[in-house]
C-alpha cells in the first residue's frame, strides 16, 4: 500500500509510504497502482525508493474494523433511505434517451 499526494502548486504527484492520517489531496493506492501511476503532461512524479509496506493495524484499528463488520451484518439494524422518497423532492439529473433509430 502507498499514499498518493497531489501538490497542485508544484504540478507534482508524490507516491510514498502509506500515510497514517488523512490529508487533503491524498489517496491510498495498492502497490500495483502505486508503481503504474502516470501523471498529466507537464507534471512530475516523485516516487519513494523502496518497497511499500503492508498497512500495520493496531489493536484499536482491528477492534473498530471488527465492530463495523459486525454492525453491517446485523439483521435487525435500521437502514436509512439514501434520498427522498420516490415522488418527492428533486428529480434526478439523468434520463434515458432512445438509441438512434428507435422512436
N, C-alpha and C. Protein backbone atom coordinates (compact mmCIF):
# COMPACT_ATOMS: atom_id res chain seq x y z
N UNK A 1 0.85 -1.17 0.00
CA UNK A 1 0.00 0.00 0.00
C UNK A 1 0.89 1.24 0.00
N UNK A 2 0.38 2.29 -0.64
CA UNK A 2 1.11 3.55 -0.73
C UNK A 2 0.09 4.69 -0.69
N UNK A 3 0.59 5.89 -0.46
CA UNK A 3 -0.27 7.07 -0.48
C UNK A 3 0.19 7.99 -1.60
N UNK A 4 -0.77 8.41 -2.42
CA UNK A 4 -0.53 9.37 -3.48
C UNK A 4 -0.98 10.73 -2.98
N UNK A 5 -0.11 11.72 -3.08
CA UNK A 5 -0.45 13.08 -2.67
C UNK A 5 -0.17 14.02 -3.84
N UNK A 6 -1.18 14.81 -4.20
CA UNK A 6 -1.01 15.80 -5.25
C UNK A 6 -0.59 17.13 -4.64
N UNK A 7 0.42 17.76 -5.23
CA UNK A 7 0.83 19.11 -4.85
C UNK A 7 0.54 19.97 -6.06
N UNK A 8 -0.67 20.52 -6.11
CA UNK A 8 -1.12 21.24 -7.29
C UNK A 8 -0.25 22.45 -7.60
N UNK A 9 0.20 23.16 -6.59
CA UNK A 9 1.01 24.36 -6.81
C UNK A 9 2.30 24.05 -7.54
N UNK A 10 2.85 22.85 -7.34
CA UNK A 10 4.11 22.46 -7.98
C UNK A 10 3.91 21.50 -9.15
N UNK A 11 2.65 21.18 -9.49
CA UNK A 11 2.34 20.20 -10.54
C UNK A 11 3.12 18.91 -10.31
N UNK A 12 3.01 18.41 -9.07
CA UNK A 12 3.77 17.23 -8.67
C UNK A 12 2.85 16.23 -7.99
N UNK A 13 3.08 14.94 -8.27
CA UNK A 13 2.40 13.85 -7.58
C UNK A 13 3.47 13.09 -6.81
N UNK A 14 3.25 12.88 -5.53
CA UNK A 14 4.21 12.18 -4.69
C UNK A 14 3.60 10.84 -4.28
N UNK A 15 4.32 9.75 -4.57
CA UNK A 15 3.89 8.41 -4.19
C UNK A 15 4.86 7.92 -3.13
N UNK A 16 4.34 7.74 -1.91
CA UNK A 16 5.21 7.36 -0.80
C UNK A 16 4.56 6.33 0.09
N UNK A 17 5.18 6.07 1.23
CA UNK A 17 4.64 5.10 2.17
C UNK A 17 3.22 5.47 2.60
N UNK A 18 2.47 4.48 3.01
CA UNK A 18 1.09 4.68 3.44
C UNK A 18 1.03 5.71 4.57
N UNK A 19 0.19 6.72 4.39
CA UNK A 19 0.04 7.78 5.39
C UNK A 19 -0.70 7.24 6.60
N UNK A 20 -0.40 7.80 7.76
CA UNK A 20 -1.06 7.38 8.98
C UNK A 20 -2.31 8.19 9.29
N UNK A 21 -2.49 9.32 8.58
CA UNK A 21 -3.69 10.13 8.77
C UNK A 21 -4.11 10.73 7.44
N UNK A 22 -5.38 11.07 7.33
CA UNK A 22 -5.92 11.62 6.09
C UNK A 22 -5.42 13.05 5.88
N UNK A 23 -5.10 13.36 4.65
CA UNK A 23 -4.66 14.70 4.27
C UNK A 23 -5.43 15.11 3.01
N UNK A 24 -5.64 16.41 2.83
CA UNK A 24 -6.30 16.84 1.59
C UNK A 24 -5.46 16.45 0.37
N UNK A 25 -6.10 16.08 -0.70
CA UNK A 25 -5.45 15.71 -1.96
C UNK A 25 -4.58 14.46 -1.83
N UNK A 26 -4.90 13.57 -0.89
CA UNK A 26 -4.16 12.32 -0.70
C UNK A 26 -5.09 11.14 -0.91
N UNK A 27 -4.55 10.10 -1.53
CA UNK A 27 -5.34 8.91 -1.84
C UNK A 27 -4.47 7.68 -1.61
N UNK A 28 -5.04 6.65 -1.00
CA UNK A 28 -4.31 5.41 -0.77
C UNK A 28 -4.41 4.53 -2.01
N UNK A 29 -3.29 3.92 -2.38
CA UNK A 29 -3.20 3.07 -3.56
C UNK A 29 -2.66 1.70 -3.18
N UNK A 30 -3.06 0.68 -3.92
CA UNK A 30 -2.42 -0.62 -3.76
C UNK A 30 -1.03 -0.53 -4.40
N UNK A 31 -0.18 -1.49 -4.09
CA UNK A 31 1.19 -1.46 -4.59
C UNK A 31 1.24 -1.45 -6.11
N UNK A 32 0.40 -2.26 -6.76
CA UNK A 32 0.41 -2.32 -8.23
C UNK A 32 0.10 -0.96 -8.84
N UNK A 33 -0.92 -0.28 -8.34
CA UNK A 33 -1.27 1.03 -8.88
C UNK A 33 -0.23 2.09 -8.51
N UNK A 34 0.39 1.95 -7.37
CA UNK A 34 1.44 2.90 -6.98
C UNK A 34 2.62 2.85 -7.95
N UNK A 35 2.93 1.65 -8.45
CA UNK A 35 4.06 1.51 -9.37
C UNK A 35 3.68 1.90 -10.81
N UNK A 36 2.39 1.78 -11.18
CA UNK A 36 1.97 2.07 -12.56
C UNK A 36 1.44 3.49 -12.75
N UNK A 37 1.37 4.27 -11.72
CA UNK A 37 0.79 5.60 -11.79
C UNK A 37 1.45 6.47 -12.85
N UNK A 38 0.64 7.14 -13.65
CA UNK A 38 1.15 8.13 -14.58
C UNK A 38 0.50 9.47 -14.23
N UNK A 39 1.14 10.55 -14.63
CA UNK A 39 0.65 11.89 -14.31
C UNK A 39 0.42 12.66 -15.60
N UNK A 40 -0.37 13.74 -15.55
CA UNK A 40 -0.61 14.55 -16.75
C UNK A 40 0.68 15.15 -17.30
N UNK A 41 0.65 15.47 -18.61
CA UNK A 41 1.80 16.14 -19.22
C UNK A 41 2.14 17.41 -18.47
N UNK A 42 3.41 17.64 -18.26
CA UNK A 42 3.85 18.83 -17.55
C UNK A 42 3.96 18.63 -16.05
N UNK A 43 3.47 17.50 -15.56
CA UNK A 43 3.57 17.19 -14.14
C UNK A 43 4.78 16.31 -13.90
N UNK A 44 5.24 16.31 -12.66
CA UNK A 44 6.36 15.46 -12.25
C UNK A 44 5.84 14.47 -11.21
N UNK A 45 6.37 13.25 -11.24
CA UNK A 45 6.01 12.27 -10.22
C UNK A 45 7.26 11.96 -9.40
N UNK A 46 7.12 12.01 -8.09
CA UNK A 46 8.20 11.69 -7.17
C UNK A 46 7.80 10.40 -6.48
N UNK A 47 8.64 9.36 -6.61
CA UNK A 47 8.32 8.05 -6.03
C UNK A 47 9.28 7.69 -4.91
N UNK A 48 8.74 7.07 -3.91
CA UNK A 48 9.52 6.52 -2.80
C UNK A 48 10.39 5.40 -3.34
N UNK A 49 11.66 5.41 -3.05
CA UNK A 49 12.56 4.35 -3.49
C UNK A 49 12.57 3.25 -2.43
N UNK A 50 11.97 2.15 -2.74
CA UNK A 50 11.91 1.04 -1.80
C UNK A 50 10.58 0.33 -1.91
N UNK A 51 10.37 -0.64 -1.05
CA UNK A 51 9.14 -1.40 -1.06
C UNK A 51 8.08 -0.71 -0.21
N UNK A 52 6.84 -0.80 -0.65
CA UNK A 52 5.74 -0.26 0.12
C UNK A 52 5.31 -1.33 1.12
N UNK A 53 5.32 -0.98 2.37
CA UNK A 53 4.98 -1.94 3.43
C UNK A 53 3.48 -2.11 3.51
N UNK A 54 3.03 -3.32 3.86
CA UNK A 54 1.59 -3.51 4.07
C UNK A 54 1.15 -2.69 5.28
N UNK A 55 -0.11 -2.27 5.32
CA UNK A 55 -0.58 -1.46 6.44
C UNK A 55 -0.50 -2.24 7.74
N UNK A 56 -0.07 -1.58 8.78
CA UNK A 56 0.03 -2.19 10.10
C UNK A 56 -1.16 -1.71 10.93
N UNK A 57 -2.07 -2.62 11.21
CA UNK A 57 -3.23 -2.26 12.02
C UNK A 57 -2.91 -2.46 13.49
N UNK A 58 -3.29 -1.50 14.29
CA UNK A 58 -3.11 -1.60 15.73
C UNK A 58 -4.33 -2.27 16.33
N UNK A 59 -4.25 -2.65 17.58
CA UNK A 59 -5.36 -3.32 18.26
C UNK A 59 -6.65 -2.54 18.17
N UNK A 60 -6.58 -1.22 18.36
CA UNK A 60 -7.79 -0.38 18.28
C UNK A 60 -8.38 -0.41 16.87
N UNK A 61 -7.50 -0.39 15.85
CA UNK A 61 -7.96 -0.43 14.47
C UNK A 61 -8.67 -1.75 14.18
N UNK A 62 -8.09 -2.84 14.64
CA UNK A 62 -8.70 -4.15 14.41
C UNK A 62 -10.04 -4.28 15.12
N UNK A 63 -10.12 -3.75 16.33
CA UNK A 63 -11.37 -3.79 17.08
C UNK A 63 -12.44 -2.97 16.36
N UNK A 64 -12.09 -1.78 15.90
CA UNK A 64 -13.04 -0.91 15.20
C UNK A 64 -13.50 -1.57 13.90
N UNK A 65 -12.58 -2.21 13.19
CA UNK A 65 -12.93 -2.89 11.95
C UNK A 65 -13.88 -4.05 12.23
N UNK A 66 -13.59 -4.84 13.24
CA UNK A 66 -14.44 -5.98 13.59
C UNK A 66 -15.83 -5.50 14.00
N UNK A 67 -15.91 -4.42 14.76
CA UNK A 67 -17.21 -3.89 15.17
C UNK A 67 -18.01 -3.36 13.99
N UNK A 68 -17.33 -2.71 13.03
CA UNK A 68 -18.02 -2.20 11.84
C UNK A 68 -18.58 -3.35 11.00
N UNK A 69 -17.81 -4.41 10.84
CA UNK A 69 -18.27 -5.57 10.08
C UNK A 69 -19.44 -6.24 10.79
N UNK A 70 -19.32 -6.38 12.10
CA UNK A 70 -20.39 -6.99 12.89
C UNK A 70 -21.67 -6.17 12.78
N UNK A 71 -21.56 -4.84 12.87
CA UNK A 71 -22.73 -3.95 12.78
C UNK A 71 -23.37 -4.05 11.39
N UNK A 72 -22.56 -4.07 10.34
CA UNK A 72 -23.09 -4.14 8.98
C UNK A 72 -23.82 -5.45 8.74
N UNK A 73 -23.42 -6.50 9.41
CA UNK A 73 -24.04 -7.80 9.22
C UNK A 73 -25.26 -8.07 10.07
N UNK A 74 -25.58 -7.17 10.99
CA UNK A 74 -26.75 -7.37 11.86
C UNK A 74 -28.03 -7.34 11.05
N UNK A 75 -28.90 -8.29 11.30
CA UNK A 75 -30.18 -8.39 10.59
C UNK A 75 -31.16 -7.33 11.08
N UNK A 76 -31.08 -6.95 12.35
CA UNK A 76 -32.07 -6.04 12.93
C UNK A 76 -31.67 -4.57 12.84
N UNK A 77 -30.59 -4.24 12.14
CA UNK A 77 -30.18 -2.84 12.08
C UNK A 77 -31.10 -2.04 11.17
N UNK A 78 -31.24 -0.75 11.47
CA UNK A 78 -32.10 0.13 10.70
C UNK A 78 -31.26 0.74 9.59
N UNK A 79 -31.75 0.62 8.37
CA UNK A 79 -31.06 1.20 7.22
C UNK A 79 -31.82 2.44 6.79
N UNK A 80 -31.13 3.58 6.78
CA UNK A 80 -31.77 4.83 6.38
C UNK A 80 -31.83 4.93 4.87
N UNK A 81 -32.87 5.58 4.38
CA UNK A 81 -33.01 5.78 2.94
C UNK A 81 -31.89 6.69 2.44
N UNK A 82 -31.41 6.42 1.23
CA UNK A 82 -30.31 7.20 0.66
C UNK A 82 -30.76 8.56 0.16
N UNK A 83 -32.03 8.75 -0.07
CA UNK A 83 -32.51 10.03 -0.60
C UNK A 83 -33.97 10.19 -0.28
N UNK A 84 -34.60 11.20 -0.88
CA UNK A 84 -36.02 11.41 -0.61
C UNK A 84 -36.85 10.26 -1.15
N UNK A 85 -38.02 10.08 -0.57
CA UNK A 85 -38.92 9.03 -1.02
C UNK A 85 -39.32 9.28 -2.46
N UNK A 86 -39.59 8.22 -3.23
CA UNK A 86 -40.00 8.40 -4.63
C UNK A 86 -41.21 9.31 -4.72
N UNK A 87 -41.18 10.19 -5.71
CA UNK A 87 -42.29 11.11 -5.92
C UNK A 87 -42.18 12.39 -5.11
N UNK A 88 -41.14 12.50 -4.29
CA UNK A 88 -40.96 13.72 -3.51
C UNK A 88 -39.59 14.30 -3.80
N UNK A 89 -39.43 15.55 -3.54
CA UNK A 89 -38.11 16.17 -3.67
C UNK A 89 -37.69 16.35 -5.12
N UNK A 90 -36.41 16.56 -5.32
CA UNK A 90 -35.82 16.85 -6.62
C UNK A 90 -35.72 15.60 -7.48
N UNK A 91 -35.97 15.74 -8.75
CA UNK A 91 -35.80 14.62 -9.68
C UNK A 91 -34.33 14.49 -10.01
N UNK A 92 -33.93 13.30 -10.38
CA UNK A 92 -32.54 13.06 -10.76
C UNK A 92 -32.16 13.82 -12.02
N UNK A 93 -30.88 14.01 -12.23
CA UNK A 93 -30.42 14.75 -13.39
C UNK A 93 -30.13 13.84 -14.59
N UNK A 94 -30.26 12.53 -14.43
CA UNK A 94 -30.01 11.62 -15.52
C UNK A 94 -31.34 11.16 -16.12
N UNK A 95 -31.35 10.90 -17.41
CA UNK A 95 -32.53 10.35 -18.03
C UNK A 95 -32.12 9.43 -19.16
N UNK A 96 -33.01 8.52 -19.50
CA UNK A 96 -32.73 7.55 -20.55
C UNK A 96 -33.21 8.10 -21.86
N UNK A 97 -32.36 8.05 -22.88
CA UNK A 97 -32.73 8.51 -24.21
C UNK A 97 -32.80 7.30 -25.13
N UNK A 98 -33.71 7.31 -26.09
CA UNK A 98 -33.78 6.18 -27.03
C UNK A 98 -32.53 6.15 -27.90
N UNK A 99 -32.13 4.93 -28.28
CA UNK A 99 -30.98 4.78 -29.16
C UNK A 99 -31.33 5.33 -30.53
N UNK A 100 -30.35 5.79 -31.30
CA UNK A 100 -30.64 6.30 -32.65
C UNK A 100 -31.40 5.27 -33.47
N UNK A 101 -32.44 5.70 -34.12
CA UNK A 101 -33.25 4.81 -34.95
C UNK A 101 -34.43 4.23 -34.21
N UNK A 102 -34.48 4.37 -32.89
CA UNK A 102 -35.60 3.88 -32.10
C UNK A 102 -36.50 5.07 -31.77
N UNK A 103 -37.72 5.05 -32.24
CA UNK A 103 -38.64 6.15 -31.94
C UNK A 103 -39.85 5.66 -31.24
